[in-house]
PDB file of N, CA and C in Angstrom:
ATOM      1  N   MET A   1      24.282 -70.541  63.437  1.00  0.00           N
ATOM      2  CA  MET A   1      22.940 -70.142  63.280  1.00  0.00           C
ATOM      3  C   MET A   1      22.586 -69.015  63.798  1.00  0.00           C
ATOM      4  N   LYS A   2      21.556 -68.249  63.164  1.00  0.00           N
ATOM      5  CA  LYS A   2      21.070 -66.967  63.828  1.00  0.00           C
ATOM      6  C   LYS A   2      19.518 -66.975  64.311  1.00  0.00           C
ATOM      7  N   PHE A   3      19.312 -66.669  65.573  1.00  0.00           N
ATOM      8  CA  PHE A   3      17.681 -66.993  66.052  1.00  0.00           C
ATOM      9  C   PHE A   3      17.205 -65.600  66.131  1.00  0.00           C
ATOM     10  N   ARG A   4      17.625 -64.612  65.391  1.00  0.00           N
ATOM     11  CA  ARG A   4      17.341 -63.235  65.861  1.00  0.00           C
ATOM     12  C   ARG A   4      15.853 -62.952  65.582  1.00  0.00           C
ATOM     13  N   ASN A   5      15.350 -63.492  64.472  1.00  0.00           N
ATOM     14  CA  ASN A   5      13.795 -63.333  64.221  1.00  0.00           C
ATOM     15  C   ASN A   5      13.007 -64.110  65.202  1.00  0.00           C
ATOM     16  N   VAL A   6      13.832 -65.220  65.677  1.00  0.00           N
ATOM     17  CA  VAL A   6      12.760 -66.341  66.196  1.00  0.00           C
ATOM     18  C   VAL A   6      12.479 -65.767  67.585  1.00  0.00           C
ATOM     19  N   CYS A   7      13.302 -64.819  68.247  1.00  0.00           N
ATOM     20  CA  CYS A   7      12.806 -64.207  69.517  1.00  0.00           C
ATOM     21  C   CYS A   7      12.494 -62.723  69.261  1.00  0.00           C
ATOM     22  N   ARG A   8      11.835 -62.363  68.465  1.00  0.00           N
ATOM     23  CA  ARG A   8      11.608 -60.870  68.351  1.00  0.00           C
ATOM     24  C   ARG A   8      10.591 -60.302  69.260  1.00  0.00           C
ATOM     25  N   GLN A   9       9.570 -61.086  69.726  1.00  0.00           N
ATOM     26  CA  GLN A   9       8.466 -60.364  70.601  1.00  0.00           C
ATOM     27  C   GLN A   9       9.066 -60.733  72.210  1.00  0.00           C
ATOM     28  N   SER A  10      10.031 -61.089  72.399  1.00  0.00           N
ATOM     29  CA  SER A  10      10.644 -61.422  73.745  1.00  0.00           C
ATOM     30  C   SER A  10       9.947 -62.653  74.232  1.00  0.00           C
ATOM     31  N   PHE A  11       9.578 -63.843  73.514  1.00  0.00           N
ATOM     32  CA  PHE A  11       9.069 -65.132  73.703  1.00  0.00           C
ATOM     33  C   PHE A  11       9.913 -65.978  72.682  1.00  0.00           C
ATOM     34  N   CYS A  12      10.592 -66.942  73.102  1.00  0.00           N
ATOM     35  CA  CYS A  12      11.497 -67.557  72.265  1.00  0.00           C
ATOM     36  C   CYS A  12      10.464 -68.884  72.111  1.00  0.00           C
ATOM     37  N   PHE A  13      10.182 -68.887  70.881  1.00  0.00           N
ATOM     38  CA  PHE A  13       9.328 -70.220  70.353  1.00  0.00           C
ATOM     39  C   PHE A  13       9.882 -71.750  70.462  1.00  0.00           C
ATOM     40  N   PHE A  14      11.262 -71.896  70.569  1.00  0.00           N
ATOM     41  CA  PHE A  14      11.748 -73.064  70.657  1.00  0.00           C
ATOM     42  C   PHE A  14      12.133 -73.484  72.464  1.00  0.00           C
ATOM     43  N   VAL A  15      11.652 -72.309  73.390  1.00  0.00           N
ATOM     44  CA  VAL A  15      11.688 -72.947  74.826  1.00  0.00           C
ATOM     45  C   VAL A  15      10.034 -72.932  75.028  1.00  0.00           C
ATOM     46  N   CYS A  16       9.699 -74.190  74.951  1.00  0.00           N
ATOM     47  CA  CYS A  16       8.317 -74.463  75.444  1.00  0.00           C
ATOM     48  C   CYS A  16       8.257 -75.234  76.734  1.00  0.00           C
ATOM     49  N   SER A  17       9.053 -74.872  77.434  1.00  0.00           N
ATOM     50  CA  SER A  17       9.155 -75.433  78.809  1.00  0.00           C
ATOM     51  C   SER A  17       9.264 -74.386  79.905  1.00  0.00           C
ATOM     52  N   THR A  18       8.702 -74.578  81.029  1.00  0.00           N
ATOM     53  CA  THR A  18       8.735 -73.530  81.974  1.00  0.00           C
ATOM     54  C   THR A  18       9.478 -74.076  83.249  1.00  0.00           C
ATOM     55  N   PRO A  19      10.155 -73.207  84.112  1.00  0.00           N
ATOM     56  CA  PRO A  19      10.818 -73.498  85.242  1.00  0.00           C
ATOM     57  C   PRO A  19       9.916 -74.348  86.300  1.00  0.00           C
ATOM     58  N   PRO A  20      10.566 -75.291  87.012  1.00  0.00           N
ATOM     59  CA  PRO A  20       9.685 -76.059  88.023  1.00  0.00           C
ATOM     60  C   PRO A  20       8.667 -75.161  88.777  1.00  0.00           C
ATOM     61  N   GLY A  21       7.540 -75.794  89.075  1.00  0.00           N
ATOM     62  CA  GLY A  21       6.397 -75.004  89.538  1.00  0.00           C
ATOM     63  C   GLY A  21       6.729 -74.143  90.974  1.00  0.00           C
ATOM     64  N   ARG A  22       7.606 -74.719  91.933  1.00  0.00           N
ATOM     65  CA  ARG A  22       8.006 -74.194  93.106  1.00  0.00           C
ATOM     66  C   ARG A  22       8.852 -72.971  92.617  1.00  0.00           C
ATOM     67  N   GLN A  23       9.843 -72.990  91.775  1.00  0.00           N
ATOM     68  CA  GLN A  23      10.462 -71.730  91.228  1.00  0.00           C
ATOM     69  C   GLN A  23       9.579 -70.853  90.756  1.00  0.00           C
ATOM     70  N   ARG A  24       8.753 -71.292  89.870  1.00  0.00           N
ATOM     71  CA  ARG A  24       7.852 -70.135  89.152  1.00  0.00           C
ATOM     72  C   ARG A  24       6.732 -69.545  90.111  1.00  0.00           C
ATOM     73  N   ARG A  25       6.418 -70.379  91.249  1.00  0.00           N
ATOM     74  CA  ARG A  25       5.501 -69.647  92.201  1.00  0.00           C
ATOM     75  C   ARG A  25       6.011 -68.772  93.009  1.00  0.00           C
ATOM     76  N   GLN A  26       7.248 -69.206  93.712  1.00  0.00           N
ATOM     77  CA  GLN A  26       7.949 -68.452  94.681  1.00  0.00           C
ATOM     78  C   GLN A  26       9.055 -67.499  94.384  1.00  0.00           C
ATOM     79  N   ASN A  27       9.162 -67.310  93.019  1.00  0.00           N
ATOM     80  CA  ASN A  27      10.392 -66.448  92.544  1.00  0.00           C
ATOM     81  C   ASN A  27      11.669 -66.883  93.186  1.00  0.00           C
ATOM     82  N   LYS A  28      11.947 -68.090  93.482  1.00  0.00           N
ATOM     83  CA  LYS A  28      13.148 -68.554  94.265  1.00  0.00           C
ATOM     84  C   LYS A  28      13.883 -69.386  93.052  1.00  0.00           C
ATOM     85  N   GLY A  29      15.419 -69.296  93.478  1.00  0.00           N
ATOM     86  CA  GLY A  29      16.310 -70.122  92.401  1.00  0.00           C
ATOM     87  C   GLY A  29      15.947 -71.658  92.010  1.00  0.00           C
ATOM     88  N   GLY A  30      15.353 -72.307  93.093  1.00  0.00           N
ATOM     89  CA  GLY A  30      14.997 -73.550  92.408  1.00  0.00           C
ATOM     90  C   GLY A  30      16.291 -74.295  92.150  1.00  0.00           C
ATOM     91  N   ASN A  31      16.146 -75.326  91.099  1.00  0.00           N
ATOM     92  CA  ASN A  31      17.404 -76.261  91.015  1.00  0.00           C
ATOM     93  C   ASN A  31      17.643 -75.723  89.467  1.00  0.00           C
ATOM     94  N   VAL A  32      18.401 -74.400  89.484  1.00  0.00           N
ATOM     95  CA  VAL A  32      18.858 -74.031  88.208  1.00  0.00           C
ATOM     96  C   VAL A  32      19.713 -74.563  87.443  1.00  0.00           C
ATOM     97  N   VAL A  33      20.646 -75.260  88.099  1.00  0.00           N
ATOM     98  CA  VAL A  33      21.794 -75.890  87.409  1.00  0.00           C
ATOM     99  C   VAL A  33      21.042 -77.174  86.646  1.00  0.00           C
ATOM    100  N   GLU A  34      20.368 -77.930  87.311  1.00  0.00           N
ATOM    101  CA  GLU A  34      19.581 -79.190  86.606  1.00  0.00           C
ATOM    102  C   GLU A  34      18.607 -78.653  85.494  1.00  0.00           C
ATOM    103  N   TYR A  35      17.985 -77.489  85.710  1.00  0.00           N
ATOM    104  CA  TYR A  35      17.178 -76.819  84.592  1.00  0.00           C
ATOM    105  C   TYR A  35      17.721 -76.507  83.345  1.00  0.00           C
ATOM    106  N   ARG A  36      19.121 -75.865  83.892  1.00  0.00           N
ATOM    107  CA  ARG A  36      19.704 -75.549  82.554  1.00  0.00           C
ATOM    108  C   ARG A  36      20.315 -76.850  81.551  1.00  0.00           C
ATOM    109  N   LEU A  37      20.707 -77.860  82.645  1.00  0.00           N
ATOM    110  CA  LEU A  37      21.443 -79.072  81.739  1.00  0.00           C
ATOM    111  C   LEU A  37      20.427 -79.684  81.058  1.00  0.00           C
ATOM    112  N   ARG A  38      18.956 -79.759  81.614  1.00  0.00           N
ATOM    113  CA  ARG A  38      17.952 -80.293  80.780  1.00  0.00           C
ATOM    114  C   ARG A  38      17.588 -79.293  79.606  1.00  0.00           C
ATOM    115  N   LEU A  39      17.588 -78.162  79.604  1.00  0.00           N
ATOM    116  CA  LEU A  39      17.240 -77.257  78.604  1.00  0.00           C
ATOM    117  C   LEU A  39      18.400 -77.386  77.726  1.00  0.00           C
ATOM    118  N   LEU A  40      19.685 -77.347  77.938  1.00  0.00           N
ATOM    119  CA  LEU A  40      20.680 -77.933  77.120  1.00  0.00           C
ATOM    120  C   LEU A  40      20.412 -78.996  76.105  1.00  0.00           C
ATOM    121  N   GLY A  41      20.156 -79.987  76.873  1.00  0.00           N
ATOM    122  CA  GLY A  41      19.774 -81.200  75.981  1.00  0.00           C
ATOM    123  C   GLY A  41      18.555 -80.931  75.161  1.00  0.00           C
ATOM    124  N   LYS A  42      17.563 -80.293  75.557  1.00  0.00           N
ATOM    125  CA  LYS A  42      16.160 -80.125  74.812  1.00  0.00           C
ATOM    126  C   LYS A  42      16.458 -79.382  73.620  1.00  0.00           C
ATOM    127  N   ILE A  43      17.010 -78.287  73.758  1.00  0.00           N
ATOM    128  CA  ILE A  43      17.216 -77.277  72.657  1.00  0.00           C
ATOM    129  C   ILE A  43      18.589 -77.112  72.227  1.00  0.00           C
ATOM    130  N   GLY A  44      19.704 -77.413  72.684  1.00  0.00           N
ATOM    131  CA  GLY A  44      21.229 -77.394  72.028  1.00  0.00           C
ATOM    132  C   GLY A  44      21.799 -76.382  72.464  1.00  0.00           C
ATOM    133  N   ALA A  45      23.091 -76.408  72.328  1.00  0.00           N
ATOM    134  CA  ALA A  45      24.016 -75.261  72.943  1.00  0.00           C
ATOM    135  C   ALA A  45      23.859 -73.984  72.028  1.00  0.00           C
ATOM    136  N   ASP A  46      23.614 -74.096  70.614  1.00  0.00           N
ATOM    137  CA  ASP A  46      23.495 -72.900  69.990  1.00  0.00           C
ATOM    138  C   ASP A  46      22.264 -71.909  70.411  1.00  0.00           C
ATOM    139  N   ARG A  47      21.206 -72.563  70.766  1.00  0.00           N
ATOM    140  CA  ARG A  47      20.005 -71.804  71.205  1.00  0.00           C
ATOM    141  C   ARG A  47      20.155 -71.358  72.560  1.00  0.00           C
ATOM    142  N   LEU A  48      20.665 -72.408  73.518  1.00  0.00           N
ATOM    143  CA  LEU A  48      20.993 -71.950  74.896  1.00  0.00           C
ATOM    144  C   LEU A  48      21.656 -70.878  75.077  1.00  0.00           C
ATOM    145  N   SER A  49      22.865 -70.752  74.136  1.00  0.00           N
ATOM    146  CA  SER A  49      23.916 -69.447  74.193  1.00  0.00           C
ATOM    147  C   SER A  49      23.210 -68.416  73.828  1.00  0.00           C
ATOM    148  N   PHE A  50      22.496 -68.675  72.722  1.00  0.00           N
ATOM    149  CA  PHE A  50      21.567 -67.449  72.449  1.00  0.00           C
ATOM    150  C   PHE A  50      20.613 -66.925  73.397  1.00  0.00           C
ATOM    151  N   LEU A  51      19.805 -67.709  74.136  1.00  0.00           N
ATOM    152  CA  LEU A  51      18.977 -67.184  75.282  1.00  0.00           C
ATOM    153  C   LEU A  51      19.905 -66.420  76.325  1.00  0.00           C
ATOM    154  N   GLU A  52      21.155 -67.092  76.600  1.00  0.00           N
ATOM    155  CA  GLU A  52      21.493 -66.625  77.868  1.00  0.00           C
ATOM    156  C   GLU A  52      22.528 -65.137  77.356  1.00  0.00           C
ATOM    157  N   GLY A  53      22.545 -64.919  76.020  1.00  0.00           N
ATOM    158  CA  GLY A  53      23.273 -63.610  75.527  1.00  0.00           C
ATOM    159  C   GLY A  53      22.357 -62.282  75.904  1.00  0.00           C
ATOM    160  N   HIS A  54      23.310 -61.383  75.317  1.00  0.00           N
ATOM    161  CA  HIS A  54      22.695 -60.175  75.491  1.00  0.00           C
ATOM    162  C   HIS A  54      21.533 -59.648  74.431  1.00  0.00           C
ATOM    163  N   HIS A  55      20.492 -59.053  74.862  1.00  0.00           N
ATOM    164  CA  HIS A  55      19.299 -58.781  74.015  1.00  0.00           C
ATOM    165  C   HIS A  55      18.856 -57.313  74.155  1.00  0.00           C
ATOM    166  N   GLU A  56      18.787 -56.416  73.039  1.00  0.00           N
ATOM    167  CA  GLU A  56      18.296 -55.093  73.213  1.00  0.00           C
ATOM    168  C   GLU A  56      16.760 -55.427  73.609  1.00  0.00           C
ATOM    169  N   PRO A  57      16.101 -54.383  74.543  1.00  0.00           N
ATOM    170  CA  PRO A  57      14.712 -54.400  74.611  1.00  0.00           C
ATOM    171  C   PRO A  57      14.032 -54.240  73.369  1.00  0.00           C
ATOM    172  N   VAL A  58      12.887 -54.739  73.171  1.00  0.00           N
ATOM    173  CA  VAL A  58      11.811 -54.632  72.302  1.00  0.00           C
ATOM    174  C   VAL A  58      11.031 -53.515  72.742  1.00  0.00           C
ATOM    175  N   LYS A  59      10.947 -52.449  71.993  1.00  0.00           N
ATOM    176  CA  LYS A  59       9.634 -51.576  72.530  1.00  0.00           C
ATOM    177  C   LYS A  59       8.586 -51.710  71.445  1.00  0.00           C
ATOM    178  N   LEU A  60       7.479 -52.092  72.261  1.00  0.00           N
ATOM    179  CA  LEU A  60       6.426 -52.328  71.380  1.00  0.00           C
ATOM    180  C   LEU A  60       5.129 -51.234  71.617  1.00  0.00           C
ATOM    181  N   THR A  61       4.391 -50.793  70.762  1.00  0.00           N
ATOM    182  CA  THR A  61       3.306 -50.024  70.962  1.00  0.00           C
ATOM    183  C   THR A  61       2.008 -50.945  71.365  1.00  0.00           C
ATOM    184  N   ILE A  62       0.823 -50.339  71.885  1.00  0.00           N
ATOM    185  CA  ILE A  62      -0.106 -50.964  72.171  1.00  0.00           C
ATOM    186  C   ILE A  62      -0.702 -51.599  71.158  1.00  0.00           C
ATOM    187  N   ASP A  63      -0.714 -51.134  69.863  1.00  0.00           N
ATOM    188  CA  ASP A  63      -1.305 -51.650  68.580  1.00  0.00           C
ATOM    189  C   ASP A  63      -0.465 -52.805  68.314  1.00  0.00           C
ATOM    190  N   ASP A  64       0.897 -52.781  68.510  1.00  0.00           N
ATOM    191  CA  ASP A  64       1.790 -53.961  68.100  1.00  0.00           C
ATOM    192  C   ASP A  64       1.538 -55.129  68.895  1.00  0.00           C
ATOM    193  N   ALA A  65       1.393 -54.563  70.274  1.00  0.00           N
ATOM    194  CA  ALA A  65       1.043 -56.122  71.283  1.00  0.00           C
ATOM    195  C   ALA A  65      -0.295 -56.636  71.025  1.00  0.00           C
ATOM    196  N   LYS A  66      -1.425 -55.998  70.453  1.00  0.00           N
ATOM    197  CA  LYS A  66      -2.817 -56.382  70.106  1.00  0.00           C
ATOM    198  C   LYS A  66      -2.563 -57.171  69.045  1.00  0.00           C
ATOM    199  N   THR A  67      -1.760 -56.667  67.969  1.00  0.00           N
ATOM    200  CA  THR A  67      -1.636 -57.438  66.660  1.00  0.00           C
ATOM    201  C   THR A  67      -1.014 -58.714  66.969  1.00  0.00           C
ATOM    202  N   ILE A  68       0.090 -58.775  67.556  1.00  0.00           N
ATOM    203  CA  ILE A  68       0.716 -60.060  68.046  1.00  0.00           C
ATOM    204  C   ILE A  68      -0.372 -61.013  68.809  1.00  0.00           C
ATOM    205  N   LYS A  69      -1.090 -60.382  69.819  1.00  0.00           N
ATOM    206  CA  LYS A  69      -1.860 -61.073  70.273  1.00  0.00           C
ATOM    207  C   LYS A  69      -3.098 -61.802  69.421  1.00  0.00           C
ATOM    208  N   ARG A  70      -3.424 -61.072  68.322  1.00  0.00           N
ATOM    209  CA  ARG A  70      -4.375 -61.552  67.401  1.00  0.00           C
ATOM    210  C   ARG A  70      -3.782 -62.606  66.618  1.00  0.00           C
ATOM    211  N   ILE A  71      -2.550 -62.329  66.106  1.00  0.00           N
ATOM    212  CA  ILE A  71      -2.144 -63.510  65.440  1.00  0.00           C
ATOM    213  C   ILE A  71      -1.954 -64.793  66.128  1.00  0.00           C
ATOM    214  N   TYR A  72      -1.522 -64.838  67.220  1.00  0.00           N
ATOM    215  CA  TYR A  72      -1.498 -66.138  67.951  1.00  0.00           C
ATOM    216  C   TYR A  72      -2.850 -66.715  68.504  1.00  0.00           C
ATOM    217  N   GLN A  73      -3.968 -65.656  68.600  1.00  0.00           N
ATOM    218  CA  GLN A  73      -5.058 -66.414  68.837  1.00  0.00           C
ATOM    219  C   GLN A  73      -5.440 -67.321  67.557  1.00  0.00           C
ATOM    220  N   LEU A  74      -5.295 -66.486  66.451  1.00  0.00           N
ATOM    221  CA  LEU A  74      -5.704 -67.254  65.275  1.00  0.00           C
ATOM    222  C   LEU A  74      -4.962 -68.493  64.865  1.00  0.00           C
ATOM    223  N   LYS A  75      -3.618 -68.530  65.172  1.00  0.00           N
ATOM    224  CA  LYS A  75      -2.655 -69.530  64.908  1.00  0.00           C
ATOM    225  C   LYS A  75      -3.337 -70.784  66.092  1.00  0.00           C
ATOM    226  N   LEU A  76      -3.596 -70.269  67.375  1.00  0.00           N
ATOM    227  CA  LEU A  76      -4.273 -71.430  68.221  1.00  0.00           C
ATOM    228  C   LEU A  76      -5.514 -72.020  68.040  1.00  0.00           C
ATOM    229  N   LYS A  77      -6.195 -70.990  67.154  1.00  0.00           N
ATOM    230  CA  LYS A  77      -7.326 -71.521  66.527  1.00  0.00           C
ATOM    231  C   LYS A  77      -7.232 -72.737  65.585  1.00  0.00           C
ATOM    232  N   ASP A  78      -6.368 -72.443  64.580  1.00  0.00           N
ATOM    233  CA  ASP A  78      -5.948 -73.330  63.667  1.00  0.00           C
ATOM    234  C   ASP A  78      -5.409 -74.550  64.182  1.00  0.00           C
ATOM    235  N   LEU A  79      -4.688 -74.512  65.444  1.00  0.00           N
ATOM    236  CA  LEU A  79      -4.332 -75.801  65.821  1.00  0.00           C
ATOM    237  C   LEU A  79      -5.422 -76.560  66.411  1.00  0.00           C
ATOM    238  N   ARG A  80      -6.361 -75.948  67.270  1.00  0.00           N
ATOM    239  CA  ARG A  80      -7.262 -76.746  67.846  1.00  0.00           C
ATOM    240  C   ARG A  80      -8.158 -77.263  66.726  1.00  0.00           C
ATOM    241  N   ALA A  81      -8.384 -76.513  65.593  1.00  0.00           N
ATOM    242  CA  ALA A  81      -9.248 -77.063  64.507  1.00  0.00           C
ATOM    243  C   ALA A  81      -8.611 -78.481  63.880  1.00  0.00           C
ATOM    244  N   ALA A  82      -7.214 -78.207  63.710  1.00  0.00           N
ATOM    245  CA  ALA A  82      -6.547 -79.192  63.127  1.00  0.00           C
ATOM    246  C   ALA A  82      -6.631 -80.590  63.991  1.00  0.00           C
ATOM    247  N   ARG A  83      -6.454 -80.379  65.448  1.00  0.00           N
ATOM    248  CA  ARG A  83      -6.352 -81.552  66.292  1.00  0.00           C
ATOM    249  C   ARG A  83      -7.921 -82.135  66.329  1.00  0.00           C
ATOM    250  N   ALA A  84      -9.128 -81.292  66.318  1.00  0.00           N
ATOM    251  CA  ALA A  84     -10.253 -81.764  66.358  1.00  0.00           C
ATOM    252  C   ALA A  84     -10.582 -82.471  65.018  1.00  0.00           C
ATOM    253  N   GLU A  85      -9.892 -82.069  63.833  1.00  0.00           N
ATOM    254  CA  GLU A  85     -10.018 -82.755  62.765  1.00  0.00           C
ATOM    255  C   GLU A  85      -9.309 -84.127  62.637  1.00  0.00           C
ATOM    256  N   LYS A  86      -8.239 -84.049  63.450  1.00  0.00           N
ATOM    257  CA  LYS A  86      -7.584 -85.482  63.452  1.00  0.00           C
ATOM    258  C   LYS A  86      -8.136 -86.233  64.433  1.00  0.00           C
ATOM    259  N   GLU A  87      -8.778 -85.879  65.497  1.00  0.00           N
ATOM    260  CA  GLU A  87      -9.356 -86.843  66.330  1.00  0.00           C
ATOM    261  C   GLU A  87     -10.762 -87.433  65.772  1.00  0.00           C
ATOM    262  N   ALA A  88     -11.212 -86.557  64.864  1.00  0.00           N
ATOM    263  CA  ALA A  88     -12.443 -87.052  64.205  1.00  0.00           C
ATOM    264  C   ALA A  88     -12.054 -88.117  63.331  1.00  0.00           C
ATOM    265  N   ALA A  89     -11.168 -88.124  62.618  1.00  0.00           N
ATOM    266  CA  ALA A  89     -10.834 -89.035  61.564  1.00  0.00           C
ATOM    267  C   ALA A  89     -10.439 -90.113  62.031  1.00  0.00           C
TER     268      ALA A  89
END
């Protein structure tokens, strides 16, 4: 499987988890081994090996970043509307 287009903006859509709170706050190693094992179970070996592989840096202009931000603001708005519609039903 190729996931090249999935991680174009240096944000991987299939990784919707964050490191443990303490690790995130203090920039310490935390329980990296346990985190990696759970991530492996959550997203699979193919995607984990892709995340751990080498990636070329993405050079974005300010306009590109603003466009990406606007796209995801609109997607979030659609998701919130769908949730509100589902709760109303």
